[in-house]
Amino acid sequence: MKLNMGCGYNKLAGYVNVDSSGACAPDVICDLETFPWPWPDSSVEAVRFNHCLEHLGESSRVFLSMIKELFRVCRHGAEVEINVPHPRHDNFINDPTHVRAITPDMLMLFDRQKNDAWQRDGVANTPLAHYLQVDFALARVQLTLTEPYLTQFREKQLDEASLQRLVRHQNNVVSEYRMVMNARKPD
């Protein structure tokens, strides 16, 4: 099974399209902040959150419960696609329904291998993978650059280090993160 979470009017063929609003006529009406979700353990091979996850889990307790539910329904190797606005872009800042910034660094907190390495190295990151009994590996991160930075980077006027400095210190350099995580479950 494949889930298109918070689909709105953007339904995908081959997916169970899920939304909390019946107005968009999803396949399943489900409030993702209410638990448990209506899918069996280890039944999902792919999950898509396309500009949805940043609207959910204003409370840390609710957000972390969502991560636990996501892990519960995913089978080993399940691909979780997460597309979100970059937290330093006006698209994120100006929408009052955006309640949580979703970043690659935050998603790595749900990776047991990273948690183990941080503990060995004495890093202060919270080992959420262990606390929540989840394990997601961040497999891919893609930045959507805005202009003029996209053209400058393509034309080699900006190198990778300069671009990373701009992304860290300026708004509106990147409009979105496109990330993929994979669930790791024991056989």
C-alpha atoms as a PDB file:
ATOM      1  CA  MET A   1       0.000   0.000   0.000  1.00  0.00           C
ATOM      2  CA  LYS A   2       1.092   3.573  -0.740  1.00  0.00           C
ATOM      3  CA  LEU A   3      -0.221   6.572   1.206  1.00  0.00           C
ATOM      4  CA  ASN A   4      -0.492  10.158  -0.060  1.00  0.00           C
ATOM      5  CA  MET A   5      -0.858  12.001   3.247  1.00  0.00           C
ATOM      6  CA  GLY A   6      -2.607  15.368   3.392  1.00  0.00           C
ATOM      7  CA  CYS A   7      -3.428  15.046  -0.294  1.00  0.00           C
ATOM      8  CA  GLY A   8      -5.867  17.949  -0.549  1.00  0.00           C
ATOM      9  CA  TYR A   9      -6.933  18.152  -4.180  1.00  0.00           C
ATOM     10  CA  ASN A  10      -3.618  16.633  -5.377  1.00  0.00           C
ATOM     11  CA  LYS A  11      -4.536  12.979  -5.614  1.00  0.00           C
ATOM     12  CA  LEU A  12      -2.097  10.378  -6.905  1.00  0.00           C
ATOM     13  CA  ALA A  13      -3.004   7.284  -8.893  1.00  0.00           C
ATOM     14  CA  GLY A  14      -1.864   4.091  -7.184  1.00  0.00           C
ATOM     15  CA  TYR A  15      -1.950   5.709  -3.734  1.00  0.00           C
ATOM     16  CA  VAL A  16      -4.514   5.807  -0.972  1.00  0.00           C
ATOM     17  CA  ASN A  17      -5.171   9.538  -0.861  1.00  0.00           C
ATOM     18  CA  VAL A  18      -5.594  10.684   2.748  1.00  0.00           C
ATOM     19  CA  ASP A  19      -6.820  14.009   4.136  1.00  0.00           C
ATOM     20  CA  SER A  20      -8.635  15.267   7.228  1.00  0.00           C
ATOM     21  CA  SER A  21     -11.098  17.234   5.095  1.00  0.00           C
ATOM     22  CA  GLY A  22     -13.899  15.542   3.233  1.00  0.00           C
ATOM     23  CA  ALA A  23     -14.203  18.635   1.011  1.00  0.00           C
ATOM     24  CA  CYS A  24     -11.363  17.359  -1.211  1.00  0.00           C
ATOM     25  CA  ALA A  25     -12.945  13.882  -1.467  1.00  0.00           C
ATOM     26  CA  PRO A  26      -9.945  11.797  -0.317  1.00  0.00           C
ATOM     27  CA  ASP A  27     -10.029   8.005  -0.395  1.00  0.00           C
ATOM     28  CA  VAL A  28      -9.684   8.026   3.402  1.00  0.00           C
ATOM     29  CA  ILE A  29     -10.636  10.818   5.784  1.00  0.00           C
ATOM     30  CA  CYS A  30      -8.117  10.688   8.623  1.00  0.00           C
ATOM     31  CA  ASP A  31      -6.818  13.196  11.157  1.00  0.00           C
ATOM     32  CA  LEU A  32      -3.123  12.322  11.223  1.00  0.00           C
ATOM     33  CA  GLU A  33      -2.820  13.903  14.679  1.00  0.00           C
ATOM     34  CA  THR A  34      -5.187  11.283  16.132  1.00  0.00           C
ATOM     35  CA  PHE A  35      -3.879   7.822  16.957  1.00  0.00           C
ATOM     36  CA  PRO A  36      -3.754   5.032  16.042  1.00  0.00           C
ATOM     37  CA  TRP A  37      -3.866   5.502  12.295  1.00  0.00           C
ATOM     38  CA  PRO A  38      -6.203   3.097  10.486  1.00  0.00           C
ATOM     39  CA  TRP A  39      -3.514   1.013   8.750  1.00  0.00           C
ATOM     40  CA  PRO A  40      -2.043  -2.275   9.993  1.00  0.00           C
ATOM     41  CA  ASP A  41       1.532  -2.655  11.228  1.00  0.00           C
ATOM     42  CA  SER A  42       4.181  -2.902   8.477  1.00  0.00           C
ATOM     43  CA  SER A  43       1.581  -2.600   5.692  1.00  0.00           C
ATOM     44  CA  VAL A  44       2.875   0.468   3.833  1.00  0.00           C
ATOM     45  CA  GLU A  45       5.598   0.480   1.178  1.00  0.00           C
ATOM     46  CA  ALA A  46       5.577   4.220   0.387  1.00  0.00           C
ATOM     47  CA  VAL A  47       4.345   7.399   2.056  1.00  0.00           C
ATOM     48  CA  ARG A  48       4.220  10.845   0.532  1.00  0.00           C
ATOM     49  CA  PHE A  49       3.921  14.077   2.535  1.00  0.00           C
ATOM     50  CA  ASN A  50       3.833  16.806  -0.123  1.00  0.00           C
ATOM     51  CA  HIS A  51       3.681  20.176   1.636  1.00  0.00           C
ATOM     52  CA  CYS A  52       1.673  18.609   4.443  1.00  0.00           C
ATOM     53  CA  LEU A  53       3.979  17.708   7.320  1.00  0.00           C
ATOM     54  CA  GLU A  54       4.797  21.328   8.189  1.00  0.00           C
ATOM     55  CA  HIS A  55       1.088  21.817   9.006  1.00  0.00           C
ATOM     56  CA  LEU A  56       0.988  18.979  11.562  1.00  0.00           C
ATOM     57  CA  GLY A  57       2.235  18.318  15.065  1.00  0.00           C
ATOM     58  CA  GLU A  58       2.344  21.777  16.602  1.00  0.00           C
ATOM     59  CA  SER A  59       2.794  20.023  19.948  1.00  0.00           C
ATOM     60  CA  SER A  60       6.039  18.061  20.185  1.00  0.00           C
ATOM     61  CA  ARG A  61       4.151  15.206  21.834  1.00  0.00           C
ATOM     62  CA  VAL A  62       1.759  14.960  18.873  1.00  0.00           C
ATOM     63  CA  PHE A  63       4.549  15.275  16.297  1.00  0.00           C
ATOM     64  CA  LEU A  64       6.633  12.548  17.928  1.00  0.00           C
ATOM     65  CA  SER A  65       3.547  10.315  18.142  1.00  0.00           C
ATOM     66  CA  MET A  66       3.088  10.841  14.397  1.00  0.00           C
ATOM     67  CA  ILE A  67       6.661   9.663  13.787  1.00  0.00           C
ATOM     68  CA  LYS A  68       5.965   6.552  15.899  1.00  0.00           C
ATOM     69  CA  GLU A  69       2.784   5.849  13.906  1.00  0.00           C
ATOM     70  CA  LEU A  70       4.619   6.387  10.635  1.00  0.00           C
ATOM     71  CA  PHE A  71       7.222   3.828  11.681  1.00  0.00           C
ATOM     72  CA  ARG A  72       4.540   1.390  12.874  1.00  0.00           C
ATOM     73  CA  VAL A  73       2.686   1.358   9.525  1.00  0.00           C
ATOM     74  CA  CYS A  74       5.832   1.296   7.337  1.00  0.00           C
ATOM     75  CA  ARG A  75       7.358  -1.996   6.287  1.00  0.00           C
ATOM     76  CA  HIS A  76      11.120  -2.481   6.184  1.00  0.00           C
ATOM     77  CA  GLY A  77      12.562  -0.377   3.374  1.00  0.00           C
ATOM     78  CA  ALA A  78       9.429   1.751   2.976  1.00  0.00           C
ATOM     79  CA  GLU A  79      10.186   5.036   1.240  1.00  0.00           C
ATOM     80  CA  VAL A  80       8.903   8.183   2.933  1.00  0.00           C
ATOM     81  CA  GLU A  81       8.954  11.226   0.652  1.00  0.00           C
ATOM     82  CA  ILE A  82       8.771  14.575   2.421  1.00  0.00           C
ATOM     83  CA  ASN A  83       8.513  17.850   0.503  1.00  0.00           C
ATOM     84  CA  VAL A  84       8.335  20.963   2.687  1.00  0.00           C
ATOM     85  CA  PRO A  85       9.017  24.685   2.388  1.00  0.00           C
ATOM     86  CA  HIS A  86      12.443  25.765   3.571  1.00  0.00           C
ATOM     87  CA  PRO A  87      12.068  27.422   7.002  1.00  0.00           C
ATOM     88  CA  ARG A  88      13.982  30.512   5.823  1.00  0.00           C
ATOM     89  CA  HIS A  89      11.732  31.145   2.840  1.00  0.00           C
ATOM     90  CA  ASP A  90       8.780  33.513   2.745  1.00  0.00           C
ATOM     91  CA  ASN A  91       6.549  30.583   1.693  1.00  0.00           C
ATOM     92  CA  PHE A  92       7.143  29.060   5.141  1.00  0.00           C
ATOM     93  CA  ILE A  93       7.265  32.255   7.170  1.00  0.00           C
ATOM     94  CA  ASN A  94       4.110  33.873   5.776  1.00  0.00           C
ATOM     95  CA  ASP A  95       1.701  30.931   6.139  1.00  0.00           C
ATOM     96  CA  PRO A  96       0.045  30.998   9.581  1.00  0.00           C
ATOM     97  CA  THR A  97      -0.866  27.307   9.271  1.00  0.00           C
ATOM     98  CA  HIS A  98       2.786  26.244   9.205  1.00  0.00           C
ATOM     99  CA  VAL A  99       3.445  24.990  12.737  1.00  0.00           C
ATOM    100  CA  ARG A 100       6.754  23.147  12.450  1.00  0.00           C
ATOM    101  CA  ALA A 101       9.961  23.485  10.440  1.00  0.00           C
ATOM    102  CA  ILE A 102      10.996  20.147   8.929  1.00  0.00           C
ATOM    103  CA  THR A 103      14.716  19.953   8.152  1.00  0.00           C
ATOM    104  CA  PRO A 104      17.202  17.214   7.281  1.00  0.00           C
ATOM    105  CA  ASP A 105      18.961  17.722  10.625  1.00  0.00           C
ATOM    106  CA  MET A 106      15.681  17.190  12.478  1.00  0.00           C
ATOM    107  CA  LEU A 107      14.847  14.039  10.503  1.00  0.00           C
ATOM    108  CA  MET A 108      18.283  12.572  11.316  1.00  0.00           C
ATOM    109  CA  LEU A 109      17.232  12.480  14.985  1.00  0.00           C
ATOM    110  CA  PHE A 110      15.088   9.454  14.001  1.00  0.00           C
ATOM    111  CA  ASP A 111      18.082   7.459  12.661  1.00  0.00           C
ATOM    112  CA  ARG A 112      19.418   4.858  15.143  1.00  0.00           C
ATOM    113  CA  GLN A 113      22.835   4.644  13.499  1.00  0.00           C
ATOM    114  CA  LYS A 114      23.238   8.412  13.795  1.00  0.00           C
ATOM    115  CA  ASN A 115      21.977   8.284  17.412  1.00  0.00           C
ATOM    116  CA  ASP A 116      24.575   5.609  18.233  1.00  0.00           C
ATOM    117  CA  ALA A 117      27.404   7.606  16.644  1.00  0.00           C
ATOM    118  CA  TRP A 118      26.359  10.785  18.459  1.00  0.00           C
ATOM    119  CA  GLN A 119      26.267   8.943  21.782  1.00  0.00           C
ATOM    120  CA  ARG A 120      29.747   7.485  21.157  1.00  0.00           C
ATOM    121  CA  ASP A 121      31.059  10.954  20.264  1.00  0.00           C
ATOM    122  CA  GLY A 122      29.333  12.736  23.149  1.00  0.00           C
ATOM    123  CA  VAL A 123      27.170  14.883  20.848  1.00  0.00           C
ATOM    124  CA  ALA A 124      24.232  16.513  22.633  1.00  0.00           C
ATOM    125  CA  ASN A 125      21.580  15.619  20.018  1.00  0.00           C
ATOM    126  CA  THR A 126      18.524  13.940  21.518  1.00  0.00           C
ATOM    127  CA  PRO A 127      18.538  10.224  20.536  1.00  0.00           C
ATOM    128  CA  LEU A 128      14.887  10.249  19.447  1.00  0.00           C
ATOM    129  CA  ALA A 129      15.235   7.044  17.417  1.00  0.00           C
ATOM    130  CA  HIS A 130      15.975   5.186  20.642  1.00  0.00           C
ATOM    131  CA  TYR A 131      13.447   7.054  22.772  1.00  0.00           C
ATOM    132  CA  LEU A 132      10.653   6.433  20.233  1.00  0.00           C
ATOM    133  CA  GLN A 133      11.795   2.958  19.073  1.00  0.00           C
ATOM    134  CA  VAL A 134      11.915   4.090  15.424  1.00  0.00           C
ATOM    135  CA  ASP A 135      14.597   3.957  12.733  1.00  0.00           C
ATOM    136  CA  PHE A 136      14.513   6.045   9.573  1.00  0.00           C
ATOM    137  CA  ALA A 137      17.572   6.615   7.376  1.00  0.00           C
ATOM    138  CA  LEU A 138      17.659   9.894   5.485  1.00  0.00           C
ATOM    139  CA  ALA A 139      18.463   8.694   1.967  1.00  0.00           C
ATOM    140  CA  ARG A 140      18.212  11.867  -0.109  1.00  0.00           C
ATOM    141  CA  VAL A 141      18.002  15.626   0.361  1.00  0.00           C
ATOM    142  CA  GLN A 142      17.431  18.016  -2.520  1.00  0.00           C
ATOM    143  CA  LEU A 143      17.252  21.795  -2.243  1.00  0.00           C
ATOM    144  CA  THR A 144      15.089  23.817  -4.610  1.00  0.00           C
ATOM    145  CA  LEU A 145      17.083  26.971  -5.234  1.00  0.00           C
ATOM    146  CA  THR A 146      15.409  30.271  -6.072  1.00  0.00           C
ATOM    147  CA  GLU A 147      16.688  32.782  -8.591  1.00  0.00           C
ATOM    148  CA  PRO A 148      19.212  34.284  -8.991  1.00  0.00           C
ATOM    149  CA  TYR A 149      21.006  31.592  -6.929  1.00  0.00           C
ATOM    150  CA  LEU A 150      19.936  28.707  -9.164  1.00  0.00           C
ATOM    151  CA  THR A 151      21.435  30.318 -12.266  1.00  0.00           C
ATOM    152  CA  GLN A 152      24.570  31.441 -10.393  1.00  0.00           C
ATOM    153  CA  PHE A 153      25.124  27.901  -9.090  1.00  0.00           C
ATOM    154  CA  ARG A 154      24.512  26.292 -12.498  1.00  0.00           C
ATOM    155  CA  GLU A 155      26.909  28.739 -14.168  1.00  0.00           C
ATOM    156  CA  LYS A 156      29.550  28.068 -11.465  1.00  0.00           C
ATOM    157  CA  GLN A 157      29.445  31.660 -10.189  1.00  0.00           C
ATOM    158  CA  LEU A 158      28.614  30.151  -6.773  1.00  0.00           C
ATOM    159  CA  ASP A 159      30.520  27.161  -5.419  1.00  0.00           C
ATOM    160  CA  GLU A 160      29.012  24.669  -2.957  1.00  0.00           C
ATOM    161  CA  ALA A 161      30.609  26.272   0.125  1.00  0.00           C
ATOM    162  CA  SER A 162      29.393  29.769  -0.807  1.00  0.00           C
ATOM    163  CA  LEU A 163      25.931  28.436  -1.495  1.00  0.00           C
ATOM    164  CA  GLN A 164      25.798  26.674   1.884  1.00  0.00           C
ATOM    165  CA  ARG A 165      26.811  29.926   3.631  1.00  0.00           C
ATOM    166  CA  LEU A 166      24.006  31.779   1.842  1.00  0.00           C
ATOM    167  CA  VAL A 167      21.466  29.070   2.735  1.00  0.00           C
ATOM    168  CA  ARG A 168      22.495  29.251   6.405  1.00  0.00           C
ATOM    169  CA  HIS A 169      22.448  33.030   6.713  1.00  0.00           C
ATOM    170  CA  GLN A 170      19.941  34.467   4.243  1.00  0.00           C
ATOM    171  CA  ASN A 171      16.243  34.071   3.597  1.00  0.00           C
ATOM    172  CA  ASN A 172      14.731  33.090   0.242  1.00  0.00           C
ATOM    173  CA  VAL A 173      17.790  31.286  -1.171  1.00  0.00           C
ATOM    174  CA  VAL A 174      16.040  27.900  -1.048  1.00  0.00           C
ATOM    175  CA  SER A 175      12.271  27.537  -1.452  1.00  0.00           C
ATOM    176  CA  GLU A 176      11.877  23.885  -0.445  1.00  0.00           C
ATOM    177  CA  TYR A 177      13.453  20.706   0.819  1.00  0.00           C
ATOM    178  CA  ARG A 178      12.668  17.472  -1.049  1.00  0.00           C
ATOM    179  CA  MET A 179      13.735  14.570   1.159  1.00  0.00           C
ATOM    180  CA  VAL A 180      13.397  10.796   1.217  1.00  0.00           C
ATOM    181  CA  MET A 181      13.737   8.566   4.277  1.00  0.00           C
ATOM    182  CA  ASN A 182      13.677   4.778   4.399  1.00  0.00           C
ATOM    183  CA  ALA A 183      12.274   2.766   7.294  1.00  0.00           C
ATOM    184  CA  ARG A 184      14.720   0.260   8.775  1.00  0.00           C
ATOM    185  CA  LYS A 185      13.027  -2.612  10.589  1.00  0.00           C
ATOM    186  CA  PRO A 186      14.479  -5.905  11.761  1.00  0.00           C
ATOM    187  CA  ASP A 187      13.561  -8.915   9.635  1.00  0.00           C
END
